[in-house]
Amino acid sequence: MTPLWVETHASFINCQRTASVDQITFNAGSVMEAALLKIPLVAPGVLEDSTRITMEITAVHDVTIGNTFDSDARYGISDGSRFVGFEVCDKGNYLDHSPCYGVEGIPGASFLSSIRHIEYKSPRTNDSRYPGQIVLTLKLYERLGLCQTAHNGGFAKVTGYSHRLMLSKGLSLEVYKGDSEERVGIKYIKVVVMETP
């Protein structure tokens, strides 16, 4: 999903943004836990709730923003009532946070609420570089997730979620930020949907 594709196909996109051929930059705003974008992936009624679905999300960020600004992005999947995914921290949080960790909450029209941060304090990395690319795997049928970054030659963290999405309600990719002043620069997003027999 390139910036132009995202702007064309998103069912919601935050108005506090600038866009070019190479990048969408979401700027500071006034809303905490603000939704940045929502993209429908699977229409309601296509899947049964028991379908064994795995989602793989690859996102490429602007390294300059992640190294110099408050820039914590939350990527995940929503059924319209629940959101499960991961928060990807900027370099400034590495002293007391994992580079990525699980989050779940309740999606609203323009913000995320009832947010649960899952084991965000460890493990940490001693690599201070902001990698700019993350790979997130969500096994929706098992309520499990895995986030991976390039820290220390390969950082990985497994997360278990309390809630299971209702796949029959449809699925969307959703991206949020934490604090209102945060900036997030997205260059590219890829989503792969896989069904396990």
C-alpha atoms as a PDB file:
ATOM      1  CA  MET A   1       0.000   0.000   0.000  1.00  0.00           C
ATOM      2  CA  THR A   2       1.693   3.149  -1.203  1.00  0.00           C
ATOM      3  CA  PRO A   3       0.755   6.593   0.152  1.00  0.00           C
ATOM      4  CA  LEU A   4      -1.424   7.325  -2.888  1.00  0.00           C
ATOM      5  CA  TRP A   5      -3.162   3.937  -2.618  1.00  0.00           C
ATOM      6  CA  VAL A   6      -3.827   4.502   1.095  1.00  0.00           C
ATOM      7  CA  GLU A   7      -5.341   7.947   0.479  1.00  0.00           C
ATOM      8  CA  THR A   8      -7.584   6.493  -2.250  1.00  0.00           C
ATOM      9  CA  HIS A   9      -8.796   3.359  -0.429  1.00  0.00           C
ATOM     10  CA  ALA A  10      -8.945   4.290   3.266  1.00  0.00           C
ATOM     11  CA  SER A  11     -12.414   4.425   4.796  1.00  0.00           C
ATOM     12  CA  PHE A  12     -10.948   6.917   7.299  1.00  0.00           C
ATOM     13  CA  ILE A  13      -7.759   8.985   7.148  1.00  0.00           C
ATOM     14  CA  ASN A  14      -6.703  11.614   9.685  1.00  0.00           C
ATOM     15  CA  CYS A  15      -6.876  15.172   8.316  1.00  0.00           C
ATOM     16  CA  GLN A  16      -3.711  16.263  10.188  1.00  0.00           C
ATOM     17  CA  ARG A  17      -1.406  14.974   7.440  1.00  0.00           C
ATOM     18  CA  THR A  18       0.766  15.826   4.500  1.00  0.00           C
ATOM     19  CA  ALA A  19       1.344  13.419   1.641  1.00  0.00           C
ATOM     20  CA  SER A  20       3.765  12.914  -1.221  1.00  0.00           C
ATOM     21  CA  VAL A  21       4.439  10.100  -3.649  1.00  0.00           C
ATOM     22  CA  ASP A  22       6.895   8.584  -1.129  1.00  0.00           C
ATOM     23  CA  GLN A  23       5.281   9.145   2.260  1.00  0.00           C
ATOM     24  CA  ILE A  24       2.256  10.108   4.346  1.00  0.00           C
ATOM     25  CA  THR A  25       3.220  12.116   7.409  1.00  0.00           C
ATOM     26  CA  PHE A  26       0.661  12.376  10.190  1.00  0.00           C
ATOM     27  CA  ASN A  27       1.379  15.514  12.177  1.00  0.00           C
ATOM     28  CA  ALA A  28       0.624  16.666  15.704  1.00  0.00           C
ATOM     29  CA  GLY A  29      -3.049  17.231  16.433  1.00  0.00           C
ATOM     30  CA  SER A  30      -5.348  17.716  19.404  1.00  0.00           C
ATOM     31  CA  VAL A  31      -6.737  14.184  19.899  1.00  0.00           C
ATOM     32  CA  MET A  32      -5.129  11.609  22.200  1.00  0.00           C
ATOM     33  CA  GLU A  33      -5.034   8.010  20.896  1.00  0.00           C
ATOM     34  CA  ALA A  34      -6.030   9.364  17.464  1.00  0.00           C
ATOM     35  CA  ALA A  35      -6.892   7.115  14.546  1.00  0.00           C
ATOM     36  CA  LEU A  36      -4.551   7.754  11.623  1.00  0.00           C
ATOM     37  CA  LEU A  37      -6.129   5.484   9.036  1.00  0.00           C
ATOM     38  CA  LYS A  38      -8.578   2.624   8.564  1.00  0.00           C
ATOM     39  CA  ILE A  39      -8.565   0.378   5.510  1.00  0.00           C
ATOM     40  CA  PRO A  40     -11.208  -2.322   4.953  1.00  0.00           C
ATOM     41  CA  LEU A  41      -9.595  -5.706   4.217  1.00  0.00           C
ATOM     42  CA  VAL A  42     -12.381  -8.312   4.469  1.00  0.00           C
ATOM     43  CA  ALA A  43     -16.071  -7.483   4.058  1.00  0.00           C
ATOM     44  CA  PRO A  44     -18.650  -8.582   6.664  1.00  0.00           C
ATOM     45  CA  GLY A  45     -20.037 -12.057   6.059  1.00  0.00           C
ATOM     46  CA  VAL A  46     -17.083 -13.336   4.015  1.00  0.00           C
ATOM     47  CA  LEU A  47     -15.428 -15.238   6.891  1.00  0.00           C
ATOM     48  CA  GLU A  48     -16.854 -17.405   9.640  1.00  0.00           C
ATOM     49  CA  ASP A  49     -15.785 -16.613  13.199  1.00  0.00           C
ATOM     50  CA  SER A  50     -13.995 -19.982  13.368  1.00  0.00           C
ATOM     51  CA  THR A  51     -11.873 -19.379  10.241  1.00  0.00           C
ATOM     52  CA  ARG A  52      -8.148 -19.830  10.983  1.00  0.00           C
ATOM     53  CA  ILE A  53      -6.778 -16.506   9.758  1.00  0.00           C
ATOM     54  CA  THR A  54      -3.249 -15.136  10.088  1.00  0.00           C
ATOM     55  CA  MET A  55      -2.479 -11.520   9.152  1.00  0.00           C
ATOM     56  CA  GLU A  56       1.027 -10.321   8.407  1.00  0.00           C
ATOM     57  CA  ILE A  57       1.578  -6.559   8.399  1.00  0.00           C
ATOM     58  CA  THR A  58       4.849  -5.037   7.207  1.00  0.00           C
ATOM     59  CA  ALA A  59       5.267  -1.291   7.719  1.00  0.00           C
ATOM     60  CA  VAL A  60       8.115   0.996   6.682  1.00  0.00           C
ATOM     61  CA  HIS A  61       8.496   4.261   8.617  1.00  0.00           C
ATOM     62  CA  ASP A  62      10.447   7.459   8.103  1.00  0.00           C
ATOM     63  CA  VAL A  63      13.629   6.792  10.106  1.00  0.00           C
ATOM     64  CA  THR A  64      14.298  10.511  10.655  1.00  0.00           C
ATOM     65  CA  ILE A  65      10.945  10.991  12.411  1.00  0.00           C
ATOM     66  CA  GLY A  66      11.402   7.844  14.539  1.00  0.00           C
ATOM     67  CA  ASN A  67      14.875   8.968  15.599  1.00  0.00           C
ATOM     68  CA  THR A  68      14.063  12.595  16.449  1.00  0.00           C
ATOM     69  CA  PHE A  69      10.357  12.967  17.341  1.00  0.00           C
ATOM     70  CA  ASP A  70       7.762  11.372  19.580  1.00  0.00           C
ATOM     71  CA  SER A  71       6.430   8.804  17.118  1.00  0.00           C
ATOM     72  CA  ASP A  72       4.640   5.782  18.587  1.00  0.00           C
ATOM     73  CA  ALA A  73       2.349   4.065  16.072  1.00  0.00           C
ATOM     74  CA  ARG A  74      -0.143   1.275  16.744  1.00  0.00           C
ATOM     75  CA  TYR A  75      -0.867  -1.146  13.904  1.00  0.00           C
ATOM     76  CA  GLY A  76      -3.503  -3.818  14.094  1.00  0.00           C
ATOM     77  CA  ILE A  77      -6.693  -5.430  12.932  1.00  0.00           C
ATOM     78  CA  SER A  78     -10.235  -4.537  13.988  1.00  0.00           C
ATOM     79  CA  ASP A  79     -13.650  -6.135  13.612  1.00  0.00           C
ATOM     80  CA  GLY A  80     -15.298  -2.791  14.358  1.00  0.00           C
ATOM     81  CA  SER A  81     -15.796  -3.626  18.046  1.00  0.00           C
ATOM     82  CA  ARG A  82     -12.297  -4.718  19.101  1.00  0.00           C
ATOM     83  CA  PHE A  83      -8.747  -3.887  18.018  1.00  0.00           C
ATOM     84  CA  VAL A  84      -5.690  -6.143  18.475  1.00  0.00           C
ATOM     85  CA  GLY A  85      -2.196  -5.248  17.358  1.00  0.00           C
ATOM     86  CA  PHE A  86       1.155  -3.785  18.343  1.00  0.00           C
ATOM     87  CA  GLU A  87       2.605  -0.460  19.369  1.00  0.00           C
ATOM     88  CA  VAL A  88       5.889   0.400  17.658  1.00  0.00           C
ATOM     89  CA  CYS A  89       7.960   2.798  19.764  1.00  0.00           C
ATOM     90  CA  ASP A  90      10.242   5.589  18.655  1.00  0.00           C
ATOM     91  CA  LYS A  91      13.907   5.614  19.703  1.00  0.00           C
ATOM     92  CA  GLY A  92      13.178   7.817  22.738  1.00  0.00           C
ATOM     93  CA  ASN A  93      11.279   4.992  24.479  1.00  0.00           C
ATOM     94  CA  TYR A  94      13.944   2.281  24.214  1.00  0.00           C
ATOM     95  CA  LEU A  95      15.315   2.974  27.713  1.00  0.00           C
ATOM     96  CA  ASP A  96      12.176   1.650  29.418  1.00  0.00           C
ATOM     97  CA  HIS A  97      10.048  -0.023  26.700  1.00  0.00           C
ATOM     98  CA  SER A  98      10.338  -2.883  24.239  1.00  0.00           C
ATOM     99  CA  PRO A  99      10.751  -1.639  20.638  1.00  0.00           C
ATOM    100  CA  CYS A 100       7.310  -3.152  19.977  1.00  0.00           C
ATOM    101  CA  TYR A 101       4.667  -4.699  22.220  1.00  0.00           C
ATOM    102  CA  GLY A 102       1.046  -5.834  22.131  1.00  0.00           C
ATOM    103  CA  VAL A 103      -1.937  -3.524  22.506  1.00  0.00           C
ATOM    104  CA  GLU A 104      -5.668  -4.064  22.357  1.00  0.00           C
ATOM    105  CA  GLY A 105      -8.606  -1.725  22.756  1.00  0.00           C
ATOM    106  CA  ILE A 106     -11.955  -0.517  21.502  1.00  0.00           C
ATOM    107  CA  PRO A 107     -11.920   1.380  18.199  1.00  0.00           C
ATOM    108  CA  GLY A 108     -14.006   4.531  17.891  1.00  0.00           C
ATOM    109  CA  ALA A 109     -14.732   6.679  14.870  1.00  0.00           C
ATOM    110  CA  SER A 110     -11.534   8.690  15.342  1.00  0.00           C
ATOM    111  CA  PHE A 111      -9.670   7.330  18.385  1.00  0.00           C
ATOM    112  CA  LEU A 112      -8.848   4.152  20.326  1.00  0.00           C
ATOM    113  CA  SER A 113     -10.149   3.698  23.893  1.00  0.00           C
ATOM    114  CA  SER A 114      -9.914   1.165  26.752  1.00  0.00           C
ATOM    115  CA  ILE A 115      -6.328   0.500  25.697  1.00  0.00           C
ATOM    116  CA  ARG A 116      -4.434  -2.372  27.270  1.00  0.00           C
ATOM    117  CA  HIS A 117      -0.631  -2.330  26.909  1.00  0.00           C
ATOM    118  CA  ILE A 118       0.677  -5.901  27.107  1.00  0.00           C
ATOM    119  CA  GLU A 119       4.064  -6.509  28.797  1.00  0.00           C
ATOM    120  CA  TYR A 120       5.553  -3.332  27.364  1.00  0.00           C
ATOM    121  CA  LYS A 121       8.541  -3.026  29.732  1.00  0.00           C
ATOM    122  CA  SER A 122      10.494  -6.082  28.558  1.00  0.00           C
ATOM    123  CA  PRO A 123      12.421  -7.381  26.822  1.00  0.00           C
ATOM    124  CA  ARG A 124      14.329  -4.243  25.902  1.00  0.00           C
ATOM    125  CA  THR A 125      17.014  -3.712  23.323  1.00  0.00           C
ATOM    126  CA  ASN A 126      20.488  -2.263  23.819  1.00  0.00           C
ATOM    127  CA  ASP A 127      20.504  -1.261  20.152  1.00  0.00           C
ATOM    128  CA  SER A 128      19.633   2.443  19.983  1.00  0.00           C
ATOM    129  CA  ARG A 129      19.020   2.552  16.219  1.00  0.00           C
ATOM    130  CA  TYR A 130      15.471   3.115  14.978  1.00  0.00           C
ATOM    131  CA  PRO A 131      15.061   0.397  12.321  1.00  0.00           C
ATOM    132  CA  GLY A 132      12.221   1.932  10.338  1.00  0.00           C
ATOM    133  CA  GLN A 133      10.697  -1.416   9.330  1.00  0.00           C
ATOM    134  CA  ILE A 134       8.576  -3.751  11.409  1.00  0.00           C
ATOM    135  CA  VAL A 135       6.856  -7.032  10.678  1.00  0.00           C
ATOM    136  CA  LEU A 136       3.763  -7.921  12.703  1.00  0.00           C
ATOM    137  CA  THR A 137       2.063 -11.327  12.597  1.00  0.00           C
ATOM    138  CA  LEU A 138      -1.400 -11.788  14.106  1.00  0.00           C
ATOM    139  CA  LYS A 139      -2.803 -15.314  14.471  1.00  0.00           C
ATOM    140  CA  LEU A 140      -6.359 -14.181  15.044  1.00  0.00           C
ATOM    141  CA  TYR A 141      -7.727 -17.678  15.686  1.00  0.00           C
ATOM    142  CA  GLU A 142      -5.169 -18.261  18.483  1.00  0.00           C
ATOM    143  CA  ARG A 143      -5.244 -14.704  19.933  1.00  0.00           C
ATOM    144  CA  LEU A 144      -1.474 -14.523  19.454  1.00  0.00           C
ATOM    145  CA  GLY A 145       0.815 -11.975  17.864  1.00  0.00           C
ATOM    146  CA  LEU A 146       4.497 -11.611  17.003  1.00  0.00           C
ATOM    147  CA  CYS A 147       6.351  -8.377  16.321  1.00  0.00           C
ATOM    148  CA  GLN A 148       9.803  -8.302  14.738  1.00  0.00           C
ATOM    149  CA  THR A 149      12.349  -5.535  14.199  1.00  0.00           C
ATOM    150  CA  ALA A 150      15.977  -5.481  13.048  1.00  0.00           C
ATOM    151  CA  HIS A 151      17.375  -4.594  16.500  1.00  0.00           C
ATOM    152  CA  ASN A 152      20.408  -6.610  17.623  1.00  0.00           C
ATOM    153  CA  GLY A 153      20.292  -8.635  14.421  1.00  0.00           C
ATOM    154  CA  GLY A 154      16.642  -9.533  15.008  1.00  0.00           C
ATOM    155  CA  PHE A 155      14.290  -8.612  17.847  1.00  0.00           C
ATOM    156  CA  ALA A 156      11.084 -10.634  18.299  1.00  0.00           C
ATOM    157  CA  LYS A 157       8.306 -10.501  20.877  1.00  0.00           C
ATOM    158  CA  VAL A 158       5.297 -12.811  21.221  1.00  0.00           C
ATOM    159  CA  THR A 159       2.058 -11.423  22.672  1.00  0.00           C
ATOM    160  CA  GLY A 160      -1.181 -13.045  23.835  1.00  0.00           C
ATOM    161  CA  TYR A 161      -4.462 -11.105  23.580  1.00  0.00           C
ATOM    162  CA  SER A 162      -7.440 -11.252  25.944  1.00  0.00           C
ATOM    163  CA  HIS A 163     -10.037 -10.767  23.232  1.00  0.00           C
ATOM    164  CA  ARG A 164     -10.782 -12.584  20.008  1.00  0.00           C
ATOM    165  CA  LEU A 165     -12.070 -10.728  16.969  1.00  0.00           C
ATOM    166  CA  MET A 166     -15.379 -11.728  15.396  1.00  0.00           C
ATOM    167  CA  LEU A 167     -14.216 -12.391  11.832  1.00  0.00           C
ATOM    168  CA  SER A 168     -17.762 -12.554  10.445  1.00  0.00           C
ATOM    169  CA  LYS A 169     -18.133  -8.824  11.201  1.00  0.00           C
ATOM    170  CA  GLY A 170     -15.405  -7.962   8.662  1.00  0.00           C
ATOM    171  CA  LEU A 171     -11.800  -6.925   9.223  1.00  0.00           C
ATOM    172  CA  SER A 172      -9.936  -3.638   8.775  1.00  0.00           C
ATOM    173  CA  LEU A 173      -6.334  -2.557   9.082  1.00  0.00           C
ATOM    174  CA  GLU A 174      -6.232   0.310  11.568  1.00  0.00           C
ATOM    175  CA  VAL A 175      -3.353   2.576  12.596  1.00  0.00           C
ATOM    176  CA  TYR A 176      -3.369   4.844  15.659  1.00  0.00           C
ATOM    177  CA  LYS A 177      -0.919   7.028  17.550  1.00  0.00           C
ATOM    178  CA  GLY A 178      -0.631   7.620  21.293  1.00  0.00           C
ATOM    179  CA  ASP A 179      -0.142  11.226  22.359  1.00  0.00           C
ATOM    180  CA  SER A 180      -1.669  14.064  20.389  1.00  0.00           C
ATOM    181  CA  GLU A 181       1.709  15.684  19.602  1.00  0.00           C
ATOM    182  CA  GLU A 182       3.199  12.568  18.006  1.00  0.00           C
ATOM    183  CA  ARG A 183       4.219  12.459  14.357  1.00  0.00           C
ATOM    184  CA  VAL A 184       4.212   9.301  12.233  1.00  0.00           C
ATOM    185  CA  GLY A 185       5.773   9.017   8.789  1.00  0.00           C
ATOM    186  CA  ILE A 186       4.583   5.975   6.791  1.00  0.00           C
ATOM    187  CA  LYS A 187       6.301   5.084   3.545  1.00  0.00           C
ATOM    188  CA  TYR A 188       4.713   1.729   2.807  1.00  0.00           C
ATOM    189  CA  ILE A 189       2.376  -0.874   4.305  1.00  0.00           C
ATOM    190  CA  LYS A 190       1.891  -4.459   3.136  1.00  0.00           C
ATOM    191  CA  VAL A 191      -0.824  -6.760   4.490  1.00  0.00           C
ATOM    192  CA  VAL A 192      -0.967 -10.475   3.740  1.00  0.00           C
ATOM    193  CA  VAL A 193      -4.068 -12.459   4.748  1.00  0.00           C
ATOM    194  CA  MET A 194      -3.541 -16.220   5.076  1.00  0.00           C
ATOM    195  CA  GLU A 195      -5.992 -18.991   5.902  1.00  0.00           C
ATOM    196  CA  THR A 196      -4.618 -22.054   7.669  1.00  0.00           C
ATOM    197  CA  PRO A 197      -6.442 -25.319   6.890  1.00  0.00           C
END
